[in-house]
C-alpha atoms as a PDB file:
ATOM      1  CA  MET A   1     -25.811   9.875   6.970  1.00  0.00           C
ATOM      2  CA  PRO A   2     -28.980   9.591   4.789  1.00  0.00           C
ATOM      3  CA  SER A   3     -32.086  11.436   5.909  1.00  0.00           C
ATOM      4  CA  THR A   4     -35.001   9.709   7.618  1.00  0.00           C
ATOM      5  CA  ALA A   5     -37.097  10.340   4.497  1.00  0.00           C
ATOM      6  CA  LEU A   6     -34.549   8.481   2.351  1.00  0.00           C
ATOM      7  CA  TRP A   7     -34.450   5.556   4.777  1.00  0.00           C
ATOM      8  CA  THR A   8     -38.251   5.453   4.867  1.00  0.00           C
ATOM      9  CA  ALA A   9     -38.451   5.532   1.050  1.00  0.00           C
ATOM     10  CA  ALA A  10     -35.823   2.781   0.766  1.00  0.00           C
ATOM     11  CA  LEU A  11     -37.674   0.601   3.301  1.00  0.00           C
ATOM     12  CA  LEU A  12     -40.999   1.153   1.534  1.00  0.00           C
ATOM     13  CA  ASN A  13     -39.432   0.234  -1.814  1.00  0.00           C
ATOM     14  CA  LEU A  14     -37.931  -2.921  -0.279  1.00  0.00           C
ATOM     15  CA  GLN A  15     -41.326  -3.875   1.181  1.00  0.00           C
ATOM     16  CA  GLN A  16     -43.039  -3.285  -2.178  1.00  0.00           C
ATOM     17  CA  GLN A  17     -40.449  -5.424  -3.946  1.00  0.00           C
ATOM     18  CA  ALA A  18     -40.884  -8.151  -1.322  1.00  0.00           C
ATOM     19  CA  VAL A  19     -44.684  -8.192  -1.764  1.00  0.00           C
ATOM     20  CA  ALA A  20     -44.321  -8.305  -5.550  1.00  0.00           C
ATOM     21  CA  GLY A  21     -41.778 -11.140  -5.215  1.00  0.00           C
ATOM     22  CA  ILE A  22     -44.000 -13.126  -2.871  1.00  0.00           C
ATOM     23  CA  TYR A  23     -46.910 -12.744  -5.284  1.00  0.00           C
ATOM     24  CA  GLU A  24     -44.764 -13.887  -8.233  1.00  0.00           C
ATOM     25  CA  GLY A  25     -43.841 -16.976  -6.253  1.00  0.00           C
ATOM     26  CA  ILE A  26     -47.396 -17.886  -5.266  1.00  0.00           C
ATOM     27  CA  LYS A  27     -49.640 -16.675  -8.102  1.00  0.00           C
ATOM     28  CA  ALA A  28     -49.383 -19.812 -10.280  1.00  0.00           C
ATOM     29  CA  ARG A  29     -50.383 -21.980  -7.313  1.00  0.00           C
ATOM     30  CA  MET A  30     -53.249 -19.598  -6.522  1.00  0.00           C
ATOM     31  CA  ALA A  31     -54.538 -19.684 -10.121  1.00  0.00           C
ATOM     32  CA  GLU A  32     -54.298 -23.461 -10.323  1.00  0.00           C
ATOM     33  CA  GLY A  33     -56.153 -23.916  -7.042  1.00  0.00           C
ATOM     34  CA  CYS A  34     -58.965 -21.489  -7.841  1.00  0.00           C
ATOM     35  CA  ALA A  35     -59.491 -23.001 -11.291  1.00  0.00           C
ATOM     36  CA  GLY A  36     -59.842 -26.441  -9.681  1.00  0.00           C
ATOM     37  CA  ASN A  37     -63.624 -26.680  -9.602  1.00  0.00           C
ATOM     38  CA  GLY A  38     -64.267 -25.153 -13.025  1.00  0.00           C
ATOM     39  CA  ASP A  39     -65.830 -21.918 -11.759  1.00  0.00           C
ATOM     40  CA  PRO A  40     -65.548 -19.392 -14.621  1.00  0.00           C
ATOM     41  CA  VAL A  41     -64.099 -16.689 -12.382  1.00  0.00           C
ATOM     42  CA  GLY A  42     -61.637 -19.177 -10.941  1.00  0.00           C
ATOM     43  CA  ALA A  43     -60.539 -20.275 -14.388  1.00  0.00           C
ATOM     44  CA  ASP A  44     -60.637 -17.005 -16.348  1.00  0.00           C
ATOM     45  CA  VAL A  45     -59.676 -14.200 -13.979  1.00  0.00           C
ATOM     46  CA  ARG A  46     -56.060 -14.070 -15.144  1.00  0.00           C
ATOM     47  CA  SER A  47     -57.249 -13.087 -18.633  1.00  0.00           C
ATOM     48  CA  TRP A  48     -59.065 -10.067 -17.159  1.00  0.00           C
ATOM     49  CA  GLN A  49     -57.619  -6.589 -16.645  1.00  0.00           C
ATOM     50  CA  VAL A  50     -55.404  -6.369 -13.581  1.00  0.00           C
ATOM     51  CA  THR A  51     -56.070  -3.077 -11.781  1.00  0.00           C
ATOM     52  CA  SER A  52     -52.898  -2.558  -9.777  1.00  0.00           C
ATOM     53  CA  THR A  53     -49.152  -2.839 -10.176  1.00  0.00           C
ATOM     54  CA  ARG A  54     -48.849  -5.282  -7.277  1.00  0.00           C
ATOM     55  CA  PRO A  55     -50.929  -6.693  -4.430  1.00  0.00           C
ATOM     56  CA  ALA A  56     -51.520  -4.358  -1.505  1.00  0.00           C
ATOM     57  CA  ARG A  57     -53.048  -4.706   1.924  1.00  0.00           C
ATOM     58  CA  ALA A  58     -56.171  -2.588   2.375  1.00  0.00           C
ATOM     59  CA  GLY A  59     -59.772  -2.941   3.394  1.00  0.00           C
ATOM     60  CA  PRO A  60     -61.676  -5.421   5.484  1.00  0.00           C
ATOM     61  CA  GLN A  61     -60.370  -8.708   4.050  1.00  0.00           C
ATOM     62  CA  GLY A  62     -58.593  -9.779   7.205  1.00  0.00           C
ATOM     63  CA  GLY A  63     -55.201  -8.176   6.620  1.00  0.00           C
ATOM     64  CA  ARG A  64     -54.656 -10.033   3.359  1.00  0.00           C
ATOM     65  CA  PHE A  65     -52.731  -8.719   0.383  1.00  0.00           C
ATOM     66  CA  LEU A  66     -55.122  -8.242  -2.535  1.00  0.00           C
ATOM     67  CA  GLN A  67     -54.650  -8.186  -6.298  1.00  0.00           C
ATOM     68  CA  THR A  68     -57.820  -7.015  -8.066  1.00  0.00           C
ATOM     69  CA  PHE A  69     -58.971  -7.956 -11.564  1.00  0.00           C
ATOM     70  CA  ALA A  70     -61.902  -6.544 -13.578  1.00  0.00           C
ATOM     71  CA  ASN A  71     -63.719  -8.321 -16.383  1.00  0.00           C
ATOM     72  CA  GLY A  72     -64.178  -6.659 -19.781  1.00  0.00           C
ATOM     73  CA  ILE A  73     -67.492  -5.087 -18.801  1.00  0.00           C
ATOM     74  CA  ALA A  74     -66.113  -3.561 -15.602  1.00  0.00           C
ATOM     75  CA  ALA A  75     -62.593  -2.560 -16.623  1.00  0.00           C
ATOM     76  CA  GLU A  76     -63.200   0.677 -18.524  1.00  0.00           C
ATOM     77  CA  GLN A  77     -65.316   2.312 -15.828  1.00  0.00           C
ATOM     78  CA  TYR A  78     -63.466   0.820 -12.860  1.00  0.00           C
ATOM     79  CA  LEU A  79     -60.012   1.881 -14.054  1.00  0.00           C
ATOM     80  CA  LYS A  80     -61.114   5.513 -14.027  1.00  0.00           C
ATOM     81  CA  PHE A  81     -61.143   5.260 -10.216  1.00  0.00           C
ATOM     82  CA  ALA A  82     -63.782   8.002 -10.296  1.00  0.00           C
ATOM     83  CA  ASP A  83     -64.854   9.659  -7.083  1.00  0.00           C
ATOM     84  CA  ASP A  84     -68.551  10.057  -7.870  1.00  0.00           C
ATOM     85  CA  GLY A  85     -71.352  10.083 -10.397  1.00  0.00           C
ATOM     86  CA  PHE A  86     -71.414   6.572 -11.798  1.00  0.00           C
ATOM     87  CA  THR A  87     -72.866   3.123 -11.408  1.00  0.00           C
ATOM     88  CA  MET A  88     -71.041   0.085 -12.716  1.00  0.00           C
ATOM     89  CA  PRO A  89     -72.754  -1.593 -15.677  1.00  0.00           C
ATOM     90  CA  ALA A  90     -74.655  -4.849 -15.173  1.00  0.00           C
ATOM     91  CA  GLY A  91     -72.381  -7.811 -15.795  1.00  0.00           C
ATOM     92  CA  SER A  92     -69.367  -6.086 -14.221  1.00  0.00           C
ATOM     93  CA  VAL A  93     -67.317  -8.562 -12.222  1.00  0.00           C
ATOM     94  CA  ARG A  94     -64.377  -7.820  -9.956  1.00  0.00           C
ATOM     95  CA  ALA A  95     -62.281 -10.524  -8.390  1.00  0.00           C
ATOM     96  CA  LYS A  96     -59.673 -10.075  -5.682  1.00  0.00           C
ATOM     97  CA  GLU A  97     -56.997 -12.698  -5.207  1.00  0.00           C
ATOM     98  CA  SER A  98     -55.740 -12.757  -1.658  1.00  0.00           C
ATOM     99  CA  PHE A  99     -52.848 -14.098   0.349  1.00  0.00           C
ATOM    100  CA  LYS A 100     -51.282 -13.670   3.769  1.00  0.00           C
ATOM    101  CA  VAL A 101     -47.753 -14.068   4.990  1.00  0.00           C
ATOM    102  CA  LYS A 102     -47.754 -16.312   8.056  1.00  0.00           C
ATOM    103  CA  ASN A 103     -44.589 -17.366   9.858  1.00  0.00           C
ATOM    104  CA  GLY A 104     -42.575 -16.293   6.828  1.00  0.00           C
ATOM    105  CA  ASN A 105     -44.654 -18.335   4.359  1.00  0.00           C
ATOM    106  CA  ALA A 106     -47.093 -17.111   1.737  1.00  0.00           C
ATOM    107  CA  VAL A 107     -50.527 -18.639   2.281  1.00  0.00           C
ATOM    108  CA  PRO A 108     -53.211 -18.378  -0.433  1.00  0.00           C
ATOM    109  CA  GLY A 109     -56.521 -16.965   0.702  1.00  0.00           C
ATOM    110  CA  PRO A 110     -59.983 -16.756  -0.810  1.00  0.00           C
ATOM    111  CA  ARG A 111     -60.733 -15.150  -4.145  1.00  0.00           C
ATOM    112  CA  PHE A 112     -63.392 -12.537  -3.405  1.00  0.00           C
ATOM    113  CA  ILE A 113     -65.882 -11.916  -6.241  1.00  0.00           C
ATOM    114  CA  ARG A 114     -68.461  -9.160  -6.833  1.00  0.00           C
ATOM    115  CA  THR A 115     -70.921  -9.253  -9.725  1.00  0.00           C
ATOM    116  CA  LYS A 116     -73.193  -6.333 -10.672  1.00  0.00           C
ATOM    117  CA  LEU A 117     -76.647  -7.735 -11.354  1.00  0.00           C
ATOM    118  CA  ALA A 118     -79.140  -6.449 -13.924  1.00  0.00           C
ATOM    119  CA  GLY A 119     -82.686  -5.304 -13.389  1.00  0.00           C
ATOM    120  CA  GLY A 120     -82.587  -4.382  -9.728  1.00  0.00           C
ATOM    121  CA  GLY A 121     -81.202  -7.715  -8.528  1.00  0.00           C
ATOM    122  CA  ALA A 122     -79.891  -7.744  -4.936  1.00  0.00           C
ATOM    123  CA  PRO A 123     -81.473  -4.390  -3.943  1.00  0.00           C
ATOM    124  CA  VAL A 124     -80.291  -4.648  -0.326  1.00  0.00           C
ATOM    125  CA  ALA A 125     -76.717  -5.023  -1.611  1.00  0.00           C
ATOM    126  CA  GLY A 126     -76.794  -2.144  -4.074  1.00  0.00           C
ATOM    127  CA  GLY A 127     -77.229  -4.539  -6.986  1.00  0.00           C
ATOM    128  CA  TRP A 128     -74.093  -6.550  -6.190  1.00  0.00           C
ATOM    129  CA  LEU A 129     -73.849 -10.306  -5.661  1.00  0.00           C
ATOM    130  CA  TYR A 130     -70.974 -11.353  -3.402  1.00  0.00           C
ATOM    131  CA  ALA A 131     -69.186 -14.676  -3.688  1.00  0.00           C
ATOM    132  CA  ALA A 132     -65.815 -16.221  -2.882  1.00  0.00           C
ATOM    133  CA  LEU A 133     -63.741 -19.240  -3.806  1.00  0.00           C
ATOM    134  CA  LEU A 134     -61.490 -21.038  -1.372  1.00  0.00           C
ATOM    135  CA  PRO A 135     -57.864 -21.552  -2.433  1.00  0.00           C
ATOM    136  CA  ASN A 136     -58.768 -25.049  -3.701  1.00  0.00           C
ATOM    137  CA  GLY A 137     -61.521 -23.655  -5.969  1.00  0.00           C
ATOM    138  CA  ALA A 138     -64.444 -24.761  -3.814  1.00  0.00           C
ATOM    139  CA  GLY A 139     -67.211 -22.247  -3.264  1.00  0.00           C
ATOM    140  CA  MET A 140     -67.039 -20.434   0.044  1.00  0.00           C
ATOM    141  CA  LYS A 141     -70.174 -19.621   2.037  1.00  0.00           C
ATOM    142  CA  VAL A 142     -70.738 -15.882   1.888  1.00  0.00           C
ATOM    143  CA  ARG A 143     -73.388 -13.987   3.807  1.00  0.00           C
ATOM    144  CA  GLN A 144     -74.637 -11.293   1.436  1.00  0.00           C
ATOM    145  CA  SER A 145     -75.724  -9.148   4.376  1.00  0.00           C
ATOM    146  CA  PHE A 146     -72.218  -9.262   5.876  1.00  0.00           C
ATOM    147  CA  CYS A 147     -70.448  -8.113   2.701  1.00  0.00           C
ATOM    148  CA  ALA A 148     -73.117  -5.601   1.709  1.00  0.00           C
ATOM    149  CA  GLY A 149     -73.392  -4.276   5.256  1.00  0.00           C
ATOM    150  CA  CYS A 150     -69.800  -3.123   5.153  1.00  0.00           C
ATOM    151  CA  ARG A 151     -69.816  -1.792   1.596  1.00  0.00           C
ATOM    152  CA  MET A 152     -73.178  -0.016   1.620  1.00  0.00           C
ATOM    153  CA  ASP A 153     -71.923   2.443   4.251  1.00  0.00           C
ATOM    154  CA  TRP A 154     -68.996   3.574   2.101  1.00  0.00           C
ATOM    155  CA  GLU A 155     -69.159   6.956   0.481  1.00  0.00           C
ATOM    156  CA  ALA A 156     -67.484   5.572  -2.634  1.00  0.00           C
ATOM    157  CA  PRO A 157     -69.640   5.440  -5.771  1.00  0.00           C
ATOM    158  CA  ASP A 158     -71.538   2.184  -6.261  1.00  0.00           C
ATOM    159  CA  SER A 159     -69.984   0.884  -3.020  1.00  0.00           C
ATOM    160  CA  LEU A 160     -66.661   0.253  -4.773  1.00  0.00           C
ATOM    161  CA  ALA A 161     -63.313  -0.095  -3.150  1.00  0.00           C
ATOM    162  CA  CYS A 162     -60.286   0.644  -5.276  1.00  0.00           C
ATOM    163  CA  PRO A 163     -56.673  -0.411  -4.951  1.00  0.00           C
ATOM    164  CA  LEU A 164     -54.510   1.902  -2.868  1.00  0.00           C
ATOM    165  CA  GLU A 165     -53.563   5.001  -4.863  1.00  0.00           C
ATOM    166  CA  ASP A 166     -49.869   4.178  -4.990  1.00  0.00           C
ATOM    167  CA  VAL A 167     -50.484   0.863  -6.799  1.00  0.00           C
ATOM    168  CA  ARG A 168     -53.387   1.788  -9.118  1.00  0.00           C
ATOM    169  CA  LEU A 169     -53.210   1.308 -12.852  1.00  0.00           C
ATOM    170  CA  SER A 170     -55.109   3.790 -14.945  1.00  0.00           C
ATOM    171  CA  SER A 171     -57.139   3.537 -18.103  1.00  0.00           C
ATOM    172  CA  GLN A 172     -55.174   6.427 -19.648  1.00  0.00           C
END
């Protein structure tokens, strides 16, 4: 009889494969929907650097699975997943695609967007502007104080959240 550790590893691998498969089945629909209103992040995010091997569920985005992308300005620094001593350069943009599984069906969620502003913009939010697109590409109302209020208390550098360690890509 296989050990509990082997069963646990096999189950985890099956779950990871299932999440990756769900994402493969829904990502074209998600991209098409978010590009619908012509927002540059909605239209271009798939040409950016993906930061993880598959979507994972972490953080305060309502139990959604997230796949994070970084634009060309953000990618080099972000992919270091450094623990301290840096600030993201102005113009850095990160976008998180999201989806949930409800009643056995994959349901697209918002695309969460963070942009690092230049020149001290958004001082109460650590220089970040928060935005989101609904699955159909329409802009979603975002309260800056709500997003910043959560992130500003994090010990992570520049209030960044990173993909879970087991799914991170690296810049190496």
